[in-house]
Amino acid sequence: IETPFYAQLRTEEQLGYIVNAGYQPLLEAPGISLLVQSPSA
């Protein structure tokens, strides 16, 4: 999910300047996080 999320929301849509997604475990608990920070949207 990491590359297409960045390519779609950051590169193509320019939704924000901090855009990332990927695997994010909390201790031993697995999870996927998706983050967008934007000055305009």
PDB file of all heavy atoms in Angstrom:
ATOM      1  N   ILE A   1       0.811  -1.222   0.000  1.00  0.00           N
ATOM      2  CA  ILE A   1       0.000   0.000   0.000  1.00  0.00           C
ATOM      3  C   ILE A   1       0.844   1.273   0.000  1.00  0.00           C
ATOM      4  O   ILE A   1       0.374   2.347  -0.393  1.00  0.00           O
ATOM      5  CB  ILE A   1      -0.958  -0.007   1.220  1.00  0.00           C
ATOM      6  CG1 ILE A   1      -2.190   0.845   0.943  1.00  0.00           C
ATOM      7  CG2 ILE A   1      -0.255   0.459   2.497  1.00  0.00           C
ATOM      8  CD1 ILE A   1      -3.267   0.694   2.005  1.00  0.00           C
ATOM      9  N   GLU A   2       2.093   1.161   0.409  1.00  0.00           N
ATOM     10  CA  GLU A   2       2.937   2.335   0.641  1.00  0.00           C
ATOM     11  C   GLU A   2       3.109   3.217  -0.599  1.00  0.00           C
ATOM     12  O   GLU A   2       2.809   4.420  -0.578  1.00  0.00           O
ATOM     13  CB  GLU A   2       4.305   1.864   1.150  1.00  0.00           C
ATOM     14  CG  GLU A   2       5.282   2.963   1.460  1.00  0.00           C
ATOM     15  CD  GLU A   2       6.590   2.401   1.979  1.00  0.00           C
ATOM     16  OE1 GLU A   2       6.575   1.380   2.694  1.00  0.00           O
ATOM     17  OE2 GLU A   2       7.646   2.988   1.657  1.00  0.00           O
ATOM     18  N   THR A   3       3.561   2.654  -1.684  1.00  0.00           N
ATOM     19  CA  THR A   3       3.863   3.451  -2.878  1.00  0.00           C
ATOM     20  C   THR A   3       2.617   3.995  -3.571  1.00  0.00           C
ATOM     21  O   THR A   3       2.564   5.186  -3.904  1.00  0.00           O
ATOM     22  CB  THR A   3       4.721   2.640  -3.855  1.00  0.00           C
ATOM     23  OG1 THR A   3       5.954   2.284  -3.208  1.00  0.00           O
ATOM     24  CG2 THR A   3       5.022   3.444  -5.102  1.00  0.00           C
ATOM     25  N   PRO A   4       1.589   3.176  -3.819  1.00  0.00           N
ATOM     26  CA  PRO A   4       0.414   3.734  -4.501  1.00  0.00           C
ATOM     27  C   PRO A   4      -0.310   4.806  -3.686  1.00  0.00           C
ATOM     28  O   PRO A   4      -0.871   5.745  -4.266  1.00  0.00           O
ATOM     29  CB  PRO A   4      -0.479   2.511  -4.736  1.00  0.00           C
ATOM     30  CG  PRO A   4       0.032   1.450  -3.837  1.00  0.00           C
ATOM     31  CD  PRO A   4       1.481   1.716  -3.656  1.00  0.00           C
ATOM     32  N   PHE A   5      -0.318   4.695  -2.366  1.00  0.00           N
ATOM     33  CA  PHE A   5      -0.961   5.721  -1.539  1.00  0.00           C
ATOM     34  C   PHE A   5      -0.253   7.061  -1.720  1.00  0.00           C
ATOM     35  O   PHE A   5      -0.890   8.099  -1.932  1.00  0.00           O
ATOM     36  CB  PHE A   5      -0.925   5.290  -0.069  1.00  0.00           C
ATOM     37  CG  PHE A   5      -1.693   6.206   0.859  1.00  0.00           C
ATOM     38  CD1 PHE A   5      -3.062   6.094   0.978  1.00  0.00           C
ATOM     39  CD2 PHE A   5      -1.036   7.167   1.613  1.00  0.00           C
ATOM     40  CE1 PHE A   5      -3.775   6.931   1.841  1.00  0.00           C
ATOM     41  CE2 PHE A   5      -1.718   8.004   2.468  1.00  0.00           C
ATOM     42  CZ  PHE A   5      -3.102   7.879   2.591  1.00  0.00           C
ATOM     43  N   TYR A   6       1.064   7.039  -1.657  1.00  0.00           N
ATOM     44  CA  TYR A   6       1.837   8.275  -1.835  1.00  0.00           C
ATOM     45  C   TYR A   6       1.668   8.812  -3.252  1.00  0.00           C
ATOM     46  O   TYR A   6       1.469  10.016  -3.460  1.00  0.00           O
ATOM     47  CB  TYR A   6       3.314   8.009  -1.541  1.00  0.00           C
ATOM     48  CG  TYR A   6       4.182   9.245  -1.632  1.00  0.00           C
ATOM     49  CD1 TYR A   6       4.365  10.055  -0.525  1.00  0.00           C
ATOM     50  CD2 TYR A   6       4.807   9.602  -2.823  1.00  0.00           C
ATOM     51  CE1 TYR A   6       5.152  11.194  -0.591  1.00  0.00           C
ATOM     52  CE2 TYR A   6       5.592  10.736  -2.909  1.00  0.00           C
ATOM     53  CZ  TYR A   6       5.757  11.529  -1.786  1.00  0.00           C
ATOM     54  OH  TYR A   6       6.530  12.667  -1.870  1.00  0.00           O
ATOM     55  N   ALA A   7       1.751   7.925  -4.249  1.00  0.00           N
ATOM     56  CA  ALA A   7       1.658   8.366  -5.634  1.00  0.00           C
ATOM     57  C   ALA A   7       0.300   8.997  -5.930  1.00  0.00           C
ATOM     58  O   ALA A   7       0.212  10.024  -6.619  1.00  0.00           O
ATOM     59  CB  ALA A   7       1.907   7.184  -6.570  1.00  0.00           C
ATOM     60  N   GLN A   8      -0.776   8.405  -5.389  1.00  0.00           N
ATOM     61  CA  GLN A   8      -2.110   8.909  -5.675  1.00  0.00           C
ATOM     62  C   GLN A   8      -2.402  10.210  -4.935  1.00  0.00           C
ATOM     63  O   GLN A   8      -2.790  11.219  -5.542  1.00  0.00           O
ATOM     64  CB  GLN A   8      -3.147   7.849  -5.296  1.00  0.00           C
ATOM     65  CG  GLN A   8      -4.597   8.279  -5.505  1.00  0.00           C
ATOM     66  CD  GLN A   8      -4.943   8.455  -6.970  1.00  0.00           C
ATOM     67  OE1 GLN A   8      -4.481   7.667  -7.794  1.00  0.00           O
ATOM     68  NE2 GLN A   8      -5.735   9.461  -7.302  1.00  0.00           N
ATOM     69  N   LEU A   9      -2.195  10.228  -3.619  1.00  0.00           N
ATOM     70  CA  LEU A   9      -2.644  11.370  -2.817  1.00  0.00           C
ATOM     71  C   LEU A   9      -1.620  12.494  -2.757  1.00  0.00           C
ATOM     72  O   LEU A   9      -1.999  13.653  -2.595  1.00  0.00           O
ATOM     73  CB  LEU A   9      -3.022  10.911  -1.405  1.00  0.00           C
ATOM     74  CG  LEU A   9      -4.458  10.376  -1.258  1.00  0.00           C
ATOM     75  CD1 LEU A   9      -4.647   9.097  -2.050  1.00  0.00           C
ATOM     76  CD2 LEU A   9      -4.800  10.138   0.213  1.00  0.00           C
ATOM     77  N   ARG A  10      -0.360  12.167  -2.890  1.00  0.00           N
ATOM     78  CA  ARG A  10       0.662  13.219  -2.822  1.00  0.00           C
ATOM     79  C   ARG A  10       1.069  13.687  -4.220  1.00  0.00           C
ATOM     80  O   ARG A  10       1.000  14.874  -4.542  1.00  0.00           O
ATOM     81  CB  ARG A  10       1.893  12.704  -2.071  1.00  0.00           C
ATOM     82  CG  ARG A  10       3.083  13.675  -2.065  1.00  0.00           C
ATOM     83  CD  ARG A  10       2.785  14.905  -1.224  1.00  0.00           C
ATOM     84  NE  ARG A  10       3.932  15.803  -1.144  1.00  0.00           N
ATOM     85  CZ  ARG A  10       4.173  16.784  -2.006  1.00  0.00           C
ATOM     86  NH1 ARG A  10       3.358  16.979  -3.029  1.00  0.00           N
ATOM     87  NH2 ARG A  10       5.217  17.571  -1.854  1.00  0.00           N
ATOM     88  N   THR A  11       1.482  12.747  -5.067  1.00  0.00           N
ATOM     89  CA  THR A  11       2.016  13.127  -6.374  1.00  0.00           C
ATOM     90  C   THR A  11       0.916  13.578  -7.332  1.00  0.00           C
ATOM     91  O   THR A  11       1.019  14.645  -7.954  1.00  0.00           O
ATOM     92  CB  THR A  11       2.791  11.955  -6.984  1.00  0.00           C
ATOM     93  OG1 THR A  11       3.797  11.525  -6.053  1.00  0.00           O
ATOM     94  CG2 THR A  11       3.445  12.361  -8.286  1.00  0.00           C
ATOM     95  N   GLU A  12      -0.148  12.779  -7.433  1.00  0.00           N
ATOM     96  CA  GLU A  12      -1.190  13.101  -8.410  1.00  0.00           C
ATOM     97  C   GLU A  12      -2.181  14.138  -7.887  1.00  0.00           C
ATOM     98  O   GLU A  12      -2.456  15.138  -8.556  1.00  0.00           O
ATOM     99  CB  GLU A  12      -1.926  11.819  -8.816  1.00  0.00           C
ATOM    100  CG  GLU A  12      -1.047  10.822  -9.563  1.00  0.00           C
ATOM    101  CD  GLU A  12      -1.813   9.589 -10.002  1.00  0.00           C
ATOM    102  OE1 GLU A  12      -3.057   9.689 -10.136  1.00  0.00           O
ATOM    103  OE2 GLU A  12      -1.175   8.542 -10.192  1.00  0.00           O
ATOM    104  N   GLU A  13      -2.728  13.905  -6.707  1.00  0.00           N
ATOM    105  CA  GLU A  13      -3.760  14.808  -6.203  1.00  0.00           C
ATOM    106  C   GLU A  13      -3.182  15.987  -5.424  1.00  0.00           C
ATOM    107  O   GLU A  13      -3.902  16.963  -5.163  1.00  0.00           O
ATOM    108  CB  GLU A  13      -4.746  14.036  -5.333  1.00  0.00           C
ATOM    109  CG  GLU A  13      -5.461  12.924  -6.074  1.00  0.00           C
ATOM    110  CD  GLU A  13      -6.538  12.257  -5.225  1.00  0.00           C
ATOM    111  OE1 GLU A  13      -6.979  12.872  -4.229  1.00  0.00           O
ATOM    112  OE2 GLU A  13      -6.951  11.134  -5.567  1.00  0.00           O
ATOM    113  N   GLN A  14      -1.906  15.899  -5.020  1.00  0.00           N
ATOM    114  CA  GLN A  14      -1.252  16.961  -4.244  1.00  0.00           C
ATOM    115  C   GLN A  14      -2.121  17.395  -3.069  1.00  0.00           C
ATOM    116  O   GLN A  14      -2.321  18.581  -2.804  1.00  0.00           O
ATOM    117  CB  GLN A  14      -0.919  18.146  -5.149  1.00  0.00           C
ATOM    118  CG  GLN A  14       0.048  17.795  -6.259  1.00  0.00           C
ATOM    119  CD  GLN A  14       0.499  18.984  -7.071  1.00  0.00           C
ATOM    120  OE1 GLN A  14       0.069  20.111  -6.837  1.00  0.00           O
ATOM    121  NE2 GLN A  14       1.385  18.744  -8.027  1.00  0.00           N
ATOM    122  N   LEU A  15      -2.594  16.377  -2.343  1.00  0.00           N
ATOM    123  CA  LEU A  15      -3.523  16.625  -1.243  1.00  0.00           C
ATOM    124  C   LEU A  15      -2.825  17.224  -0.025  1.00  0.00           C
ATOM    125  O   LEU A  15      -3.415  17.982   0.732  1.00  0.00           O
ATOM    126  CB  LEU A  15      -4.213  15.311  -0.863  1.00  0.00           C
ATOM    127  CG  LEU A  15      -5.486  15.388  -0.033  1.00  0.00           C
ATOM    128  CD1 LEU A  15      -6.556  16.174  -0.774  1.00  0.00           C
ATOM    129  CD2 LEU A  15      -5.987  13.983   0.287  1.00  0.00           C
ATOM    130  N   GLY A  16      -1.566  16.888   0.161  1.00  0.00           N
ATOM    131  CA  GLY A  16      -0.826  17.396   1.309  1.00  0.00           C
ATOM    132  C   GLY A  16       0.654  17.142   1.101  1.00  0.00           C
ATOM    133  O   GLY A  16       1.052  16.420   0.194  1.00  0.00           O
ATOM    134  N   TYR A  17       1.464  17.734   1.960  1.00  0.00           N
ATOM    135  CA  TYR A  17       2.907  17.548   1.800  1.00  0.00           C
ATOM    136  C   TYR A  17       3.452  16.460   2.706  1.00  0.00           C
ATOM    137  O   TYR A  17       4.609  16.065   2.587  1.00  0.00           O
ATOM    138  CB  TYR A  17       3.648  18.865   2.036  1.00  0.00           C
ATOM    139  CG  TYR A  17       3.289  19.594   3.305  1.00  0.00           C
ATOM    140  CD1 TYR A  17       3.875  19.266   4.521  1.00  0.00           C
ATOM    141  CD2 TYR A  17       2.352  20.625   3.295  1.00  0.00           C
ATOM    142  CE1 TYR A  17       3.551  19.925   5.685  1.00  0.00           C
ATOM    143  CE2 TYR A  17       2.031  21.304   4.463  1.00  0.00           C
ATOM    144  CZ  TYR A  17       2.625  20.945   5.657  1.00  0.00           C
ATOM    145  OH  TYR A  17       2.289  21.602   6.815  1.00  0.00           O
ATOM    146  N   ILE A  18       2.641  15.973   3.653  1.00  0.00           N
ATOM    147  CA  ILE A  18       3.027  14.797   4.436  1.00  0.00           C
ATOM    148  C   ILE A  18       1.970  13.728   4.177  1.00  0.00           C
ATOM    149  O   ILE A  18       0.824  13.835   4.621  1.00  0.00           O
ATOM    150  CB  ILE A  18       3.135  15.118   5.935  1.00  0.00           C
ATOM    151  CG1 ILE A  18       4.267  16.112   6.179  1.00  0.00           C
ATOM    152  CG2 ILE A  18       3.360  13.837   6.740  1.00  0.00           C
ATOM    153  CD1 ILE A  18       4.461  16.502   7.609  1.00  0.00           C
ATOM    154  N   VAL A  19       2.350  12.731   3.405  1.00  0.00           N
ATOM    155  CA  VAL A  19       1.431  11.666   2.998  1.00  0.00           C
ATOM    156  C   VAL A  19       2.184  10.346   3.118  1.00  0.00           C
ATOM    157  O   VAL A  19       3.226  10.168   2.494  1.00  0.00           O
ATOM    158  CB  VAL A  19       0.957  11.868   1.539  1.00  0.00           C
ATOM    159  CG1 VAL A  19       0.089  10.686   1.097  1.00  0.00           C
ATOM    160  CG2 VAL A  19       0.205  13.178   1.384  1.00  0.00           C
ATOM    161  N   ASN A  20       1.690   9.446   3.930  1.00  0.00           N
ATOM    162  CA  ASN A  20       2.337   8.136   4.017  1.00  0.00           C
ATOM    163  C   ASN A  20       1.354   7.078   4.490  1.00  0.00           C
ATOM    164  O   ASN A  20       0.384   7.375   5.181  1.00  0.00           O
ATOM    165  CB  ASN A  20       3.581   8.172   4.911  1.00  0.00           C
ATOM    166  CG  ASN A  20       3.278   8.667   6.307  1.00  0.00           C
ATOM    167  OD1 ASN A  20       2.548   8.016   7.058  1.00  0.00           O
ATOM    168  ND2 ASN A  20       3.845   9.809   6.675  1.00  0.00           N
ATOM    169  N   ALA A  21       1.625   5.875   4.104  1.00  0.00           N
ATOM    170  CA  ALA A  21       0.837   4.717   4.524  1.00  0.00           C
ATOM    171  C   ALA A  21       1.768   3.529   4.598  1.00  0.00           C
ATOM    172  O   ALA A  21       2.767   3.456   3.878  1.00  0.00           O
ATOM    173  CB  ALA A  21      -0.302   4.441   3.545  1.00  0.00           C
ATOM    174  N   GLY A  22       1.459   2.575   5.474  1.00  0.00           N
ATOM    175  CA  GLY A  22       2.296   1.391   5.575  1.00  0.00           C
ATOM    176  C   GLY A  22       2.035   0.625   6.846  1.00  0.00           C
ATOM    177  O   GLY A  22       1.127   0.941   7.623  1.00  0.00           O
ATOM    178  N   TYR A  23       2.853  -0.371   7.038  1.00  0.00           N
ATOM    179  CA  TYR A  23       2.731  -1.240   8.207  1.00  0.00           C
ATOM    180  C   TYR A  23       3.150  -0.488   9.455  1.00  0.00           C
ATOM    181  O   TYR A  23       4.216   0.129   9.495  1.00  0.00           O
ATOM    182  CB  TYR A  23       3.625  -2.468   8.008  1.00  0.00           C
ATOM    183  CG  TYR A  23       3.560  -3.471   9.127  1.00  0.00           C
ATOM    184  CD1 TYR A  23       2.351  -4.023   9.531  1.00  0.00           C
ATOM    185  CD2 TYR A  23       4.721  -3.885   9.776  1.00  0.00           C
ATOM    186  CE1 TYR A  23       2.291  -4.967  10.555  1.00  0.00           C
ATOM    187  CE2 TYR A  23       4.685  -4.836  10.786  1.00  0.00           C
ATOM    188  CZ  TYR A  23       3.456  -5.365  11.176  1.00  0.00           C
ATOM    189  OH  TYR A  23       3.413  -6.295  12.191  1.00  0.00           O
ATOM    190  N   GLN A  24       2.311  -0.527  10.493  1.00  0.00           N
ATOM    191  CA  GLN A  24       2.634   0.132  11.749  1.00  0.00           C
ATOM    192  C   GLN A  24       2.186  -0.738  12.921  1.00  0.00           C
ATOM    193  O   GLN A  24       1.042  -0.660  13.360  1.00  0.00           O
ATOM    194  CB  GLN A  24       1.973   1.509  11.858  1.00  0.00           C
ATOM    195  CG  GLN A  24       2.364   2.233  13.154  1.00  0.00           C
ATOM    196  CD  GLN A  24       1.789   3.624  13.249  1.00  0.00           C
ATOM    197  OE1 GLN A  24       1.342   4.189  12.274  1.00  0.00           O
ATOM    198  NE2 GLN A  24       1.806   4.186  14.447  1.00  0.00           N
ATOM    199  N   PRO A  25       3.075  -1.575  13.429  1.00  0.00           N
ATOM    200  CA  PRO A  25       2.710  -2.352  14.611  1.00  0.00           C
ATOM    201  C   PRO A  25       2.754  -1.484  15.862  1.00  0.00           C
ATOM    202  O   PRO A  25       3.555  -0.555  15.974  1.00  0.00           O
ATOM    203  CB  PRO A  25       3.791  -3.437  14.655  1.00  0.00           C
ATOM    204  CG  PRO A  25       4.986  -2.802  13.990  1.00  0.00           C
ATOM    205  CD  PRO A  25       4.445  -1.858  12.965  1.00  0.00           C
ATOM    206  N   LEU A  26       1.881  -1.779  16.800  1.00  0.00           N
ATOM    207  CA  LEU A  26       1.915  -1.174  18.131  1.00  0.00           C
ATOM    208  C   LEU A  26       2.259  -2.292  19.105  1.00  0.00           C
ATOM    209  O   LEU A  26       1.434  -3.181  19.348  1.00  0.00           O
ATOM    210  CB  LEU A  26       0.567  -0.536  18.489  1.00  0.00           C
ATOM    211  CG  LEU A  26       0.105   0.607  17.574  1.00  0.00           C
ATOM    212  CD1 LEU A  26      -1.278   1.100  17.990  1.00  0.00           C
ATOM    213  CD2 LEU A  26       1.108   1.761  17.588  1.00  0.00           C
ATOM    214  N   LEU A  27       3.497  -2.261  19.628  1.00  0.00           N
ATOM    215  CA  LEU A  27       4.051  -3.402  20.342  1.00  0.00           C
ATOM    216  C   LEU A  27       3.989  -4.596  19.384  1.00  0.00           C
ATOM    217  O   LEU A  27       4.511  -4.521  18.285  1.00  0.00           O
ATOM    218  CB  LEU A  27       3.305  -3.653  21.655  1.00  0.00           C
ATOM    219  CG  LEU A  27       3.303  -2.477  22.654  1.00  0.00           C
ATOM    220  CD1 LEU A  27       2.501  -2.825  23.903  1.00  0.00           C
ATOM    221  CD2 LEU A  27       4.720  -2.072  23.037  1.00  0.00           C
ATOM    222  N   GLU A  28       3.314  -5.685  19.775  1.00  0.00           N
ATOM    223  CA  GLU A  28       3.233  -6.855  18.893  1.00  0.00           C
ATOM    224  C   GLU A  28       1.967  -6.858  18.039  1.00  0.00           C
ATOM    225  O   GLU A  28       1.752  -7.790  17.260  1.00  0.00           O
ATOM    226  CB  GLU A  28       3.259  -8.135  19.726  1.00  0.00           C
ATOM    227  CG  GLU A  28       4.594  -8.436  20.373  1.00  0.00           C
ATOM    228  CD  GLU A  28       4.549  -9.738  21.141  1.00  0.00           C
ATOM    229  OE1 GLU A  28       3.947  -9.743  22.235  1.00  0.00           O
ATOM    230  OE2 GLU A  28       5.084 -10.735  20.641  1.00  0.00           O
ATOM    231  N   ALA A  29       1.135  -5.840  18.179  1.00  0.00           N
ATOM    232  CA  ALA A  29      -0.136  -5.806  17.459  1.00  0.00           C
ATOM    233  C   ALA A  29       0.064  -5.215  16.075  1.00  0.00           C
ATOM    234  O   ALA A  29       0.516  -4.072  15.944  1.00  0.00           O
ATOM    235  CB  ALA A  29      -1.156  -4.988  18.240  1.00  0.00           C
ATOM    236  N   PRO A  30      -0.277  -5.957  15.008  1.00  0.00           N
ATOM    237  CA  PRO A  30      -0.064  -5.442  13.657  1.00  0.00           C
ATOM    238  C   PRO A  30      -1.161  -4.471  13.242  1.00  0.00           C
ATOM    239  O   PRO A  30      -2.300  -4.544  13.713  1.00  0.00           O
ATOM    240  CB  PRO A  30      -0.114  -6.712  12.801  1.00  0.00           C
ATOM    241  CG  PRO A  30      -1.042  -7.624  13.549  1.00  0.00           C
ATOM    242  CD  PRO A  30      -0.826  -7.324  15.010  1.00  0.00           C
ATOM    243  N   GLY A  31      -0.816  -3.561  12.351  1.00  0.00           N
ATOM    244  CA  GLY A  31      -1.796  -2.606  11.849  1.00  0.00           C
ATOM    245  C   GLY A  31      -1.275  -1.876  10.624  1.00  0.00           C
ATOM    246  O   GLY A  31      -0.088  -1.932  10.309  1.00  0.00           O
ATOM    247  N   ILE A  32      -2.170  -1.206   9.934  1.00  0.00           N
ATOM    248  CA  ILE A  32      -1.841  -0.375   8.783  1.00  0.00           C
ATOM    249  C   ILE A  32      -2.282   1.051   9.109  1.00  0.00           C
ATOM    250  O   ILE A  32      -3.433   1.270   9.514  1.00  0.00           O
ATOM    251  CB  ILE A  32      -2.570  -0.845   7.509  1.00  0.00           C
ATOM    252  CG1 ILE A  32      -2.219  -2.296   7.179  1.00  0.00           C
ATOM    253  CG2 ILE A  32      -2.252   0.085   6.339  1.00  0.00           C
ATOM    254  CD1 ILE A  32      -0.829  -2.518   6.679  1.00  0.00           C
ATOM    255  N   SER A  33      -1.387   2.015   8.956  1.00  0.00           N
ATOM    256  CA  SER A  33      -1.754   3.416   9.181  1.00  0.00           C
ATOM    257  C   SER A  33      -1.730   4.168   7.862  1.00  0.00           C
ATOM    258  O   SER A  33      -0.918   3.871   6.979  1.00  0.00           O
ATOM    259  CB  SER A  33      -0.810   4.082  10.181  1.00  0.00           C
ATOM    260  OG  SER A  33       0.481   4.240   9.625  1.00  0.00           O
ATOM    261  N   LEU A  34      -2.637   5.138   7.753  1.00  0.00           N
ATOM    262  CA  LEU A  34      -2.719   5.998   6.564  1.00  0.00           C
ATOM    263  C   LEU A  34      -2.834   7.426   7.064  1.00  0.00           C
ATOM    264  O   LEU A  34      -3.774   7.768   7.784  1.00  0.00           O
ATOM    265  CB  LEU A  34      -3.934   5.631   5.700  1.00  0.00           C
ATOM    266  CG  LEU A  34      -4.038   4.156   5.299  1.00  0.00           C
ATOM    267  CD1 LEU A  34      -5.132   3.468   6.120  1.00  0.00           C
ATOM    268  CD2 LEU A  34      -4.346   4.007   3.815  1.00  0.00           C
ATOM    269  N   LEU A  35      -1.869   8.268   6.692  1.00  0.00           N
ATOM    270  CA  LEU A  35      -1.794   9.620   7.230  1.00  0.00           C
ATOM    271  C   LEU A  35      -1.673  10.645   6.110  1.00  0.00           C
ATOM    272  O   LEU A  35      -0.868  10.475   5.193  1.00  0.00           O
ATOM    273  CB  LEU A  35      -0.584   9.748   8.168  1.00  0.00           C
ATOM    274  CG  LEU A  35      -0.250  11.152   8.667  1.00  0.00           C
ATOM    275  CD1 LEU A  35      -1.318  11.661   9.630  1.00  0.00           C
ATOM    276  CD2 LEU A  35       1.111  11.179   9.339  1.00  0.00           C
ATOM    277  N   VAL A  36      -2.478  11.698   6.213  1.00  0.00           N
ATOM    278  CA  VAL A  36      -2.365  12.841   5.314  1.00  0.00           C
ATOM    279  C   VAL A  36      -2.440  14.109   6.156  1.00  0.00           C
ATOM    280  O   VAL A  36      -3.362  14.284   6.954  1.00  0.00           O
ATOM    281  CB  VAL A  36      -3.476  12.865   4.251  1.00  0.00           C
ATOM    282  CG1 VAL A  36      -3.379  14.141   3.406  1.00  0.00           C
ATOM    283  CG2 VAL A  36      -3.405  11.639   3.356  1.00  0.00           C
ATOM    284  N   GLN A  37      -1.458  14.981   5.979  1.00  0.00           N
ATOM    285  CA  GLN A  37      -1.456  16.309   6.604  1.00  0.00           C
ATOM    286  C   GLN A  37      -1.450  17.342   5.491  1.00  0.00           C
ATOM    287  O   GLN A  37      -0.613  17.286   4.589  1.00  0.00           O
ATOM    288  CB  GLN A  37      -0.245  16.483   7.504  1.00  0.00           C
ATOM    289  CG  GLN A  37      -0.148  17.858   8.158  1.00  0.00           C
ATOM    290  CD  GLN A  37       1.076  18.003   9.046  1.00  0.00           C
ATOM    291  OE1 GLN A  37       1.535  17.024   9.631  1.00  0.00           O
ATOM    292  NE2 GLN A  37       1.607  19.212   9.148  1.00  0.00           N
ATOM    293  N   SER A  38      -2.389  18.289   5.556  1.00  0.00           N
ATOM    294  CA  SER A  38      -2.553  19.227   4.439  1.00  0.00           C
ATOM    295  C   SER A  38      -2.721  20.657   4.927  1.00  0.00           C
ATOM    296  O   SER A  38      -3.422  20.904   5.911  1.00  0.00           O
ATOM    297  CB  SER A  38      -3.781  18.843   3.613  1.00  0.00           C
ATOM    298  OG  SER A  38      -4.026  19.797   2.599  1.00  0.00           O
ATOM    299  N   PRO A  39      -2.096  21.627   4.219  1.00  0.00           N
ATOM    300  CA  PRO A  39      -2.291  23.035   4.561  1.00  0.00           C
ATOM    301  C   PRO A  39      -3.534  23.636   3.912  1.00  0.00           C
ATOM    302  O   PRO A  39      -3.920  24.756   4.243  1.00  0.00           O
ATOM    303  CB  PRO A  39      -1.025  23.694   4.002  1.00  0.00           C
ATOM    304  CG  PRO A  39      -0.678  22.856   2.817  1.00  0.00           C
ATOM    305  CD  PRO A  39      -1.080  21.444   3.164  1.00  0.00           C
ATOM    306  N   SER A  40      -4.175  22.892   3.006  1.00  0.00           N
ATOM    307  CA  SER A  40      -5.288  23.475   2.243  1.00  0.00           C
ATOM    308  C   SER A  40      -6.567  22.654   2.297  1.00  0.00           C
ATOM    309  O   SER A  40      -7.663  23.206   2.405  1.00  0.00           O
ATOM    310  CB  SER A  40      -4.871  23.671   0.778  1.00  0.00           C
ATOM    311  OG  SER A  40      -4.401  22.450   0.228  1.00  0.00           O
ATOM    312  N   ALA A  41      -6.472  21.344   2.198  1.00  0.00           N
ATOM    313  CA  ALA A  41      -7.669  20.502   2.207  1.00  0.00           C
ATOM    314  C   ALA A  41      -8.189  20.326   3.623  1.00  0.00           C
ATOM    315  O   ALA A  41      -7.414  20.198   4.574  1.00  0.00           O
ATOM    316  CB  ALA A  41      -7.351  19.145   1.589  1.00  0.00           C
TER     317      ALA A  41
END
